[in-house]
Protein backbone atom coordinates (compact mmCIF):
# COMPACT_ATOMS: atom_id res chain seq x y z
CA UNK A 1 -20.20 1.77 -28.85
CA UNK A 2 -18.40 0.05 -31.74
CA UNK A 3 -15.53 -1.78 -30.05
CA UNK A 4 -14.59 -4.11 -32.89
CA UNK A 5 -10.98 -2.84 -33.25
CA UNK A 6 -10.21 -3.77 -29.65
CA UNK A 7 -8.31 -6.89 -28.68
CA UNK A 8 -8.53 -8.69 -25.37
CA UNK A 9 -11.84 -9.39 -23.65
CA UNK A 10 -14.25 -6.46 -23.96
CA UNK A 11 -17.12 -5.70 -21.59
CA UNK A 12 -19.83 -3.07 -21.78
CA UNK A 13 -22.51 -2.17 -19.20
CA UNK A 14 -25.18 -4.85 -19.02
CA UNK A 15 -23.03 -7.61 -20.46
CA UNK A 16 -22.16 -10.79 -18.58
CA UNK A 17 -18.90 -10.32 -16.70
CA UNK A 18 -19.02 -6.51 -16.65
CA UNK A 19 -19.86 -6.23 -12.94
CA UNK A 20 -17.11 -8.66 -11.97
CA UNK A 21 -14.61 -6.83 -14.16
CA UNK A 22 -15.16 -3.40 -12.58
CA UNK A 23 -15.36 -4.69 -8.99
CA UNK A 24 -12.25 -3.93 -7.00
CA UNK A 25 -11.16 -4.30 -3.40
CA UNK A 26 -12.57 -0.86 -2.56
CA UNK A 27 -16.37 -1.16 -2.64
CA UNK A 28 -17.17 2.36 -1.40
CA UNK A 29 -16.25 3.95 -4.75
CA UNK A 30 -18.68 3.26 -7.59
CA UNK A 31 -17.29 2.47 -11.03
CA UNK A 32 -19.23 2.38 -14.30
CA UNK A 33 -16.94 2.88 -17.30
CA UNK A 34 -18.40 2.91 -20.82
CA UNK A 35 -16.21 0.01 -21.87
CA UNK A 36 -13.72 -2.32 -20.15
CA UNK A 37 -10.82 -4.08 -21.83
CA UNK A 38 -9.62 -7.19 -20.03
CA UNK A 39 -6.03 -7.04 -21.24
CA UNK A 40 -4.03 -10.25 -21.46
CA UNK A 41 -0.97 -8.86 -23.25
CA UNK A 42 0.88 -5.59 -23.76
CA UNK A 43 -0.54 -5.50 -27.30
CA UNK A 44 -4.04 -5.47 -25.78
CA UNK A 45 -3.08 -2.43 -23.70
CA UNK A 46 -1.63 -0.63 -26.73
CA UNK A 47 -4.78 -1.31 -28.75
CA UNK A 48 -7.02 -0.11 -25.92
CA UNK A 49 -5.08 3.14 -25.45
CA UNK A 50 -5.13 3.86 -29.19
CA UNK A 51 -8.86 3.14 -29.31
CA UNK A 52 -9.48 5.53 -26.43
CA UNK A 53 -7.43 8.25 -28.12
CA UNK A 54 -9.31 7.81 -31.39
CA UNK A 55 -12.68 8.08 -29.61
CA UNK A 56 -11.67 10.85 -27.19
CA UNK A 57 -12.25 8.62 -24.15
CA UNK A 58 -10.47 9.11 -20.82
CA UNK A 59 -8.46 6.05 -19.78
CA UNK A 60 -8.18 4.55 -16.31
CA UNK A 61 -6.60 1.36 -15.06
CA UNK A 62 -7.70 -1.33 -12.65
CA UNK A 63 -4.94 -3.76 -11.80
CA UNK A 64 -5.44 -6.13 -8.89
CA UNK A 65 -4.90 -6.50 -5.19
CA UNK A 66 -6.02 -3.71 -2.87
CA UNK A 67 -6.01 -0.86 -5.37
CA UNK A 68 -8.86 1.61 -5.54
CA UNK A 69 -11.62 0.85 -8.01
CA UNK A 70 -10.88 3.06 -11.00
CA UNK A 71 -12.80 4.53 -13.89
CA UNK A 72 -16.20 6.18 -13.57
CA UNK A 73 -16.38 6.95 -17.27
CA UNK A 74 -14.51 6.33 -20.47
CA UNK A 75 -12.40 3.22 -21.01
CA UNK A 76 -11.13 1.06 -18.20
CA UNK A 77 -8.15 -1.24 -18.81
CA UNK A 78 -8.17 -4.22 -16.48
CA UNK A 79 -4.71 -5.78 -16.23
CA UNK A 80 -5.46 -8.57 -13.75
CA UNK A 81 -4.93 -11.26 -16.42
CA UNK A 82 -1.33 -10.16 -17.00
CA UNK A 83 0.28 -12.45 -14.44
CA UNK A 84 3.72 -13.35 -15.79
CA UNK A 85 6.58 -13.61 -13.27
CA UNK A 86 10.22 -14.16 -14.26
CA UNK A 87 13.06 -14.55 -11.75
CA UNK A 88 16.69 -14.02 -12.77
CA UNK A 89 18.44 -15.70 -9.86
CA UNK A 90 21.93 -14.80 -11.07
CA UNK A 91 21.10 -11.10 -11.37
CA UNK A 92 18.88 -11.17 -8.29
CA UNK A 93 15.95 -9.54 -10.07
CA UNK A 94 12.31 -10.16 -10.92
CA UNK A 95 10.27 -9.06 -13.91
CA UNK A 96 6.51 -9.05 -13.39
CA UNK A 97 3.52 -8.14 -15.50
CA UNK A 98 0.94 -5.58 -14.44
CA UNK A 99 -1.57 -7.92 -12.76
CA UNK A 100 0.83 -9.80 -10.49
CA UNK A 101 0.25 -9.87 -6.74
CA UNK A 102 3.05 -10.09 -4.21
CA UNK A 103 2.15 -13.65 -3.23
CA UNK A 104 3.23 -14.94 -6.64
CA UNK A 105 6.58 -13.14 -6.39
CA UNK A 106 7.16 -14.38 -2.83
CA UNK A 107 6.66 -17.97 -3.97
CA UNK A 108 8.77 -17.69 -7.12
CA UNK A 109 11.66 -15.81 -5.45
CA UNK A 110 11.81 -18.18 -2.45
CA UNK A 111 12.80 -21.04 -4.75
CA UNK A 112 16.06 -19.17 -5.37
CA UNK A 113 16.74 -18.02 -1.79
CA UNK A 114 15.52 -14.51 -2.59
CA UNK A 115 12.72 -12.22 -1.46
CA UNK A 116 10.96 -9.12 -2.79
CA UNK A 117 10.42 -5.87 -0.87
CA UNK A 118 6.76 -6.75 -0.49
CA UNK A 119 4.24 -5.28 1.90
CA UNK A 120 2.21 -6.68 4.74
CA UNK A 121 -0.28 -8.55 2.52
CA UNK A 122 0.55 -11.02 -0.27
CA UNK A 123 -2.78 -10.11 -1.92
CA UNK A 124 -1.60 -6.58 -2.79
CA UNK A 125 -0.75 -5.86 -6.43
CA UNK A 126 2.94 -5.30 -7.18
CA UNK A 127 2.61 -2.40 -9.61
CA UNK A 128 0.23 -0.18 -7.63
CA UNK A 129 2.11 -0.80 -4.38
CA UNK A 130 5.49 -0.04 -5.91
CA UNK A 131 4.59 3.02 -7.94
CA UNK A 132 2.72 4.67 -5.06
CA UNK A 133 5.81 4.42 -2.85
CA UNK A 134 4.75 1.44 -0.76
CA UNK A 135 7.09 0.17 1.94
CA UNK A 136 7.00 -3.22 3.56
CA UNK A 137 8.41 -5.67 6.04
CA UNK A 138 12.09 -4.97 5.31
CA UNK A 139 11.76 -1.25 4.68
CA UNK A 140 14.03 -0.01 7.46
CA UNK A 141 16.79 -2.25 6.10
CA UNK A 142 16.31 -1.82 2.34
CA UNK A 143 13.98 1.17 1.81
CA UNK A 144 10.96 1.41 -0.46
CA UNK A 145 10.24 -1.05 -3.26
CA UNK A 146 10.27 1.90 -5.70
CA UNK A 147 13.91 2.57 -4.80
CA UNK A 148 14.88 -0.82 -6.25
CA UNK A 149 13.05 -0.67 -9.59
CA UNK A 150 15.37 -1.17 -12.57
CA UNK A 151 13.04 -0.68 -15.52
CA UNK A 152 9.40 0.02 -16.31
CA UNK A 153 7.43 -0.85 -19.45
CA UNK A 154 4.70 1.72 -19.98
CA UNK A 155 2.19 2.53 -22.72
CA UNK A 156 1.87 6.30 -23.04
CA UNK A 157 -1.20 8.31 -24.06
CA UNK A 158 -0.46 8.05 -27.80
CA UNK A 159 -0.21 4.25 -27.64
CA UNK A 160 3.60 4.10 -27.69
CA UNK A 161 5.28 1.35 -25.68
CA UNK A 162 8.31 2.75 -23.86
CA UNK A 163 10.97 1.07 -21.75
CA UNK A 164 11.78 3.58 -19.00
CA UNK A 165 15.12 3.24 -17.23
CA UNK A 166 17.16 5.28 -14.71
CA UNK A 167 18.06 8.70 -16.04
CA UNK A 168 14.76 9.41 -17.77
CA UNK A 169 12.13 11.81 -16.47
CA UNK A 170 9.45 9.18 -17.05
CA UNK A 171 11.29 6.67 -14.86
CA UNK A 172 11.64 9.30 -12.11
CA UNK A 173 7.97 10.32 -12.26
CA UNK A 174 6.48 6.84 -12.23
CA UNK A 175 8.29 5.78 -9.04
CA UNK A 176 6.20 7.68 -6.52
CA UNK A 177 4.18 9.82 -8.94
CA UNK A 178 2.10 6.77 -9.83
CA UNK A 179 -0.86 8.10 -11.84
CA UNK A 180 -1.26 9.85 -15.15
CA UNK A 181 1.92 9.01 -17.09
CA UNK A 182 0.72 5.91 -18.89
CA UNK A 183 -0.32 2.30 -18.36
CA UNK A 184 2.46 0.25 -16.81
CA UNK A 185 2.59 -3.23 -18.28
CA UNK A 186 5.68 -4.62 -16.52
CA UNK A 187 8.25 -3.86 -13.82
CA UNK A 188 11.78 -5.11 -13.32
CA UNK A 189 13.19 -4.79 -9.81
CA UNK A 190 15.80 -6.06 -7.39
CA UNK A 191 15.28 -8.94 -5.01
CA UNK A 192 17.22 -9.34 -1.77
CA UNK A 193 19.01 -12.42 -0.33
CA UNK A 194 16.56 -13.13 2.49
CA UNK A 195 15.06 -16.54 3.16
CA UNK A 196 13.59 -16.16 6.64
CA UNK A 197 12.96 -13.72 9.46
CA UNK A 198 11.82 -13.53 13.05
CA UNK A 199 8.29 -12.21 12.96
CA UNK A 200 4.71 -12.32 14.08
CA UNK A 201 2.65 -10.37 16.55
CA UNK A 202 1.84 -9.66 20.16
CA UNK A 203 -1.84 -9.00 20.91
CA UNK A 204 -2.82 -7.04 24.02
CA UNK A 205 -6.18 -6.46 25.70
CA UNK A 206 -8.14 -3.19 25.67
CA UNK A 207 -7.16 -2.03 29.14
CA UNK A 208 -3.48 -2.35 28.28
CA UNK A 209 -3.58 -0.19 25.12
CA UNK A 210 -2.15 3.01 26.73
CA UNK A 211 0.74 1.15 28.39
CA UNK A 212 1.52 -0.85 25.25
CA UNK A 213 1.53 2.28 23.07
CA UNK A 214 4.12 3.89 25.31
CA UNK A 215 6.24 0.75 25.58
CA UNK A 216 6.21 0.22 21.82
CA UNK A 217 7.08 3.88 21.17
CA UNK A 218 10.14 3.73 23.43
CA UNK A 219 11.20 0.32 22.11
CA UNK A 220 10.79 1.17 18.42
CA UNK A 221 12.77 4.42 18.66
CA UNK A 222 15.82 2.40 19.75
CA UNK A 223 15.28 -0.36 17.18
CA UNK A 224 18.06 -1.44 14.80
CA UNK A 225 17.53 -0.98 11.05
CA UNK A 226 17.08 -4.74 10.73
CA UNK A 227 13.74 -4.38 12.56
CA UNK A 228 10.61 -3.10 10.84
CA UNK A 229 7.61 -2.75 13.15
CA UNK A 230 4.16 -1.27 13.47
CA UNK A 231 1.41 -1.15 16.07
CA UNK A 232 -2.28 -1.49 15.21
CA UNK A 233 -5.39 -0.77 17.27
CA UNK A 234 -8.09 -3.08 15.93
CA UNK A 235 -11.77 -3.38 16.90
CA UNK A 236 -12.44 -7.07 16.31
CA UNK A 237 -16.06 -8.14 15.79
CA UNK A 238 -17.43 -11.07 17.77
CA UNK A 239 -17.31 -13.64 14.98
CA UNK A 240 -16.57 -17.38 15.25
CA UNK A 241 -13.88 -17.37 12.53
CA UNK A 242 -11.67 -15.12 14.65
CA UNK A 243 -9.28 -16.45 17.31
CA UNK A 244 -11.22 -16.81 20.56
CA UNK A 245 -8.94 -14.55 22.66
CA UNK A 246 -9.58 -11.62 20.27
CA UNK A 247 -13.30 -11.90 19.55
CA UNK A 248 -15.29 -8.79 20.32
CA UNK A 249 -12.30 -6.93 21.76
CA UNK A 250 -10.55 -3.70 20.82
CA UNK A 251 -6.93 -4.77 20.96
CA UNK A 252 -3.39 -3.55 20.37
CA UNK A 253 -1.44 -5.64 17.86
CA UNK A 254 2.34 -5.14 17.77
CA UNK A 255 3.81 -6.40 14.49
CA UNK A 256 7.43 -7.47 14.22
CA UNK A 257 9.64 -8.29 11.22
CA UNK A 258 13.26 -8.75 12.26
CA UNK A 259 16.17 -9.73 9.99
CA UNK A 260 18.54 -10.85 12.70
CA UNK A 261 19.28 -13.32 15.48
CA UNK A 262 18.17 -13.12 19.08
CA UNK A 263 14.59 -12.16 18.33
CA UNK A 264 13.24 -13.24 21.71
CA UNK A 265 15.75 -11.03 23.50
CA UNK A 266 14.91 -8.11 21.23
CA UNK A 267 11.16 -8.23 22.00
CA UNK A 268 11.54 -8.91 25.73
CA UNK A 269 10.58 -5.31 26.68
CA UNK A 270 7.33 -5.68 24.77
CA UNK A 271 6.46 -8.97 26.39
CA UNK A 272 7.07 -7.31 29.76
CA UNK A 273 4.75 -4.38 28.98
CA UNK A 274 1.52 -6.34 29.64
CA UNK A 275 0.14 -9.90 29.48
CA UNK A 276 -0.41 -10.90 25.87
CA UNK A 277 -3.72 -12.34 24.68
CA UNK A 278 -1.80 -14.05 21.87
CA UNK A 279 1.88 -14.33 20.97
CA UNK A 280 2.68 -15.51 17.43
CA UNK A 281 6.34 -14.49 17.27
CA UNK A 282 8.62 -17.13 15.74
CA UNK A 283 11.21 -17.80 13.05
CA UNK A 284 9.43 -18.21 9.71
CA UNK A 285 10.16 -18.44 5.97
CA UNK A 286 9.87 -15.00 4.39
CA UNK A 287 7.31 -16.47 1.99
CA UNK A 288 4.96 -16.75 5.01
CA UNK A 289 5.45 -13.13 6.09
CA UNK A 290 1.85 -12.25 5.21
CA UNK A 291 0.87 -13.96 8.45
CA UNK A 292 2.48 -11.16 10.50
CA UNK A 293 -0.28 -8.61 9.89
CA UNK A 294 -2.85 -11.25 8.88
CA UNK A 295 -4.92 -8.67 6.99
CA UNK A 296 -8.43 -9.63 5.80
CA UNK A 297 -8.52 -10.56 2.08
CA UNK A 298 -12.18 -9.74 1.48
CA UNK A 299 -13.19 -6.63 -0.55
CA UNK A 300 -15.09 -3.99 1.41
CA UNK A 301 -15.96 -0.30 1.37
CA UNK A 302 -13.54 1.83 3.34
CA UNK A 303 -12.04 5.27 3.77
CA UNK A 304 -8.60 6.05 5.10
CA UNK A 305 -5.95 8.69 5.43
CA UNK A 306 -2.67 9.22 7.26
CA UNK A 307 -0.15 11.69 8.60
CA UNK A 308 3.61 11.54 8.89
CA UNK A 309 4.80 12.88 12.22
CA UNK A 310 8.10 14.12 13.59
CA UNK A 311 7.65 12.49 16.99
CA UNK A 312 5.22 10.43 19.03
CA UNK A 313 4.81 12.16 22.38
CA UNK A 314 2.36 11.31 25.17
CA UNK A 315 -0.16 13.95 24.04
CA UNK A 316 -0.26 12.30 20.63
CA UNK A 317 -0.67 8.83 22.11
CA UNK A 318 -3.56 10.10 24.25
CA UNK A 319 -5.19 11.60 21.14
CA UNK A 320 -4.83 8.29 19.30
CA UNK A 321 -6.60 6.43 22.09
CA UNK A 322 -9.33 9.08 22.37
CA UNK A 323 -10.11 9.37 18.65
CA UNK A 324 -9.25 5.91 17.35
CA UNK A 325 -9.47 3.69 20.43
CA UNK A 326 -12.33 1.80 22.06
CA UNK A 327 -14.48 4.92 22.68
CA UNK A 328 -14.05 6.57 19.28
CA UNK A 329 -17.05 7.87 17.31
CA UNK A 330 -16.38 5.41 14.46
CA UNK A 331 -14.71 2.00 14.59
CA UNK A 332 -11.21 2.59 13.25
CA UNK A 333 -8.23 0.42 12.48
CA UNK A 334 -5.35 2.66 13.58
CA UNK A 335 -1.80 1.74 12.51
CA UNK A 336 1.41 3.47 13.54
CA UNK A 337 4.51 2.52 11.50
CA UNK A 338 8.05 3.16 12.67
CA UNK A 339 9.94 4.81 9.81
CA UNK A 340 13.62 5.81 9.77
CA UNK A 341 16.50 3.54 8.84
CA UNK A 342 16.84 3.15 5.08
CA UNK A 343 13.57 5.04 4.65
CA UNK A 344 15.36 8.18 5.84
CA UNK A 345 18.30 7.82 3.45
CA UNK A 346 18.52 9.06 -0.15
CA UNK A 347 18.29 6.05 -2.51
CA UNK A 348 20.91 5.42 -5.18
CA UNK A 349 18.42 6.35 -7.92
CA UNK A 350 15.88 8.81 -6.45
CA UNK A 351 12.30 8.88 -7.61
CA UNK A 352 9.51 11.20 -6.53
CA UNK A 353 10.38 11.98 -2.92
CA UNK A 354 8.46 11.37 0.25
CA UNK A 355 8.62 12.59 3.83
CA UNK A 356 11.93 10.93 4.64
CA UNK A 357 12.48 13.04 7.77
CA UNK A 358 9.37 11.66 9.48
CA UNK A 359 9.83 9.28 12.39
CA UNK A 360 6.39 7.62 12.20
CA UNK A 361 3.30 7.51 10.03
CA UNK A 362 -0.13 7.30 11.64
CA UNK A 363 -2.81 5.63 9.50
CA UNK A 364 -6.56 5.43 10.04
CA UNK A 365 -8.92 3.14 8.14
CA UNK A 366 -12.65 2.67 8.71
CA UNK A 367 -15.39 0.69 6.99
CA UNK A 368 -18.00 2.85 5.28
CA UNK A 369 -21.46 1.84 6.51
CA UNK A 370 -25.00 2.55 5.41
CA UNK A 371 -24.76 6.16 6.62
CA UNK A 372 -22.05 6.90 4.06
CA UNK A 373 -18.54 8.24 4.14
CA UNK A 374 -19.13 11.58 5.90
CA UNK A 375 -19.20 10.21 9.48
CA UNK A 376 -15.90 8.45 8.81
CA UNK A 377 -14.28 11.59 7.41
CA UNK A 378 -15.51 13.58 10.39
CA UNK A 379 -14.15 11.05 12.89
CA UNK A 380 -10.77 10.86 11.15
CA UNK A 381 -10.56 14.66 11.05
CA UNK A 382 -10.77 14.78 14.85
CA UNK A 383 -7.75 12.51 15.13
CA UNK A 384 -5.59 14.23 12.55
CA UNK A 385 -6.51 17.70 13.77
CA UNK A 386 -5.21 16.65 17.20
CA UNK A 387 -1.96 15.42 15.62
CA UNK A 388 -1.56 18.49 13.40
CA UNK A 389 1.05 20.32 15.55
CA UNK A 390 3.52 17.48 14.91
CA UNK A 391 2.42 16.54 11.37
CA UNK A 392 4.85 16.97 8.48
CA UNK A 393 2.94 15.47 5.54
CA UNK A 394 1.09 12.46 4.18
CA UNK A 395 2.07 9.30 2.28
CA UNK A 396 0.34 8.46 -1.00
CA UNK A 397 -0.07 4.68 -0.42
CA UNK A 398 -2.39 5.28 2.53
CA UNK A 399 -4.77 7.89 1.09
CA UNK A 400 -8.06 6.16 0.28
CA UNK A 401 -11.32 7.64 -0.91
CA UNK A 402 -10.25 11.31 -1.06
CA UNK A 403 -12.44 13.40 -3.38
CA UNK A 404 -10.05 16.31 -4.02
CA UNK A 405 -7.06 15.25 -6.20
CA UNK A 406 -5.44 18.69 -5.92
CA UNK A 407 -5.48 18.54 -2.13
CA UNK A 408 -4.04 15.02 -2.19
CA UNK A 409 -1.24 16.16 -4.50
CA UNK A 410 -0.37 19.15 -2.32
CA UNK A 411 -0.25 17.00 0.80
CA UNK A 412 1.78 14.04 -0.47
CA UNK A 413 4.36 15.70 -2.77
CA UNK A 414 6.96 18.31 -1.98
CA UNK A 415 6.48 21.64 -3.75
CA UNK A 416 9.54 20.95 -5.94
CA UNK A 417 8.39 17.46 -6.92
CA UNK A 418 4.86 18.61 -7.66
CA UNK A 419 6.19 21.42 -9.82
CA UNK A 420 8.35 18.98 -11.81
CA UNK A 421 5.49 16.48 -12.15
CA UNK A 422 3.30 19.24 -13.58
CA UNK A 423 6.04 20.27 -15.97
CA UNK A 424 6.15 16.71 -17.27
CA UNK A 425 2.37 16.39 -17.34
CA UNK A 426 0.37 19.64 -17.24
CA UNK A 427 -2.56 19.36 -14.87
CA UNK A 428 -1.02 16.52 -12.88
CA UNK A 429 -2.82 16.05 -9.56
CA UNK A 430 -5.76 18.26 -10.37
């Protein structure tokens, strides 16, 4: 293919650097685009989009962080080199380019006594997280990151660079609609005046999982909006790099992020639920908040899905233990997030909606082994079929590896939002 008009670094199959350029965090989805543009500037993105239009090539984007590997054909725009971060301390805002990860924003904002509405891992990319409706460690206090976006720079399909702001359909669609409306090159969003929090985790042994699930459920329902919390069931391998108390055990990990005083008193009911294998709760700078979930940074092949639920009764907790606990068919990292608080309130500038009436979201994630993805899908189906009587929807940020875009769209968007998205972009989600 003649790629001479393109700017930025260009890679084609077989060339040095091509394999590294298409590799993402998700290794279970193969990617082999015809050409990759390693964009360093917005002008590179504009040139790549115009080139694709002139050659009738589909365009996909691979940013950074934990996003799905994109682009099985056509032209792939890699934005990981676009790493500019600007903090306006007086306005309390940040402007970031498309390849920025949350860790860079955490560090830059902390110098001004500010914090972003980042997620559980500092390695996650800002743009993908925000535009998919991601919510993080202060979500019950401040809502989703998408609710605090002020402006979006996006290159549309004809190569035009637009500056989308509140009031435009494009601005509405991008914040929660995520895919298909252009290549986002920069975001501007609010920061919040937070410097530290009480956070960390409590780790409980296998035999205590049922009791801890029930204690956390009761405790989290009564939680103030200043507390964001989740509970994870994790099958830890027996590896020397892991903390000795956790090696080779299937444990319950209660995660706590609390923007208030008296943290020890707040978590006392959890500490009384069972003896903890480890207790890492403490006051910490918000810039160190990635240590709360302590998620692995290494790319791997995985499949995952989720369900929002209206309650978390004992039958549901029993199903979680049966289908995602120590005796499950497939090793599964199972995470239950407490929603509510600001997540249940209508934001000042609404974007594409989500299941704001849900009380919890249940997430399942499993590594895809040599026997492929089907055993994982089958195992996850058992869990979510058991939860179906109380299920109200799904959340886009936690759908990984699905092969039916139309089914994903129907399950994550309301009928009204999906209809509007398809009016703005015919064929959206199909």
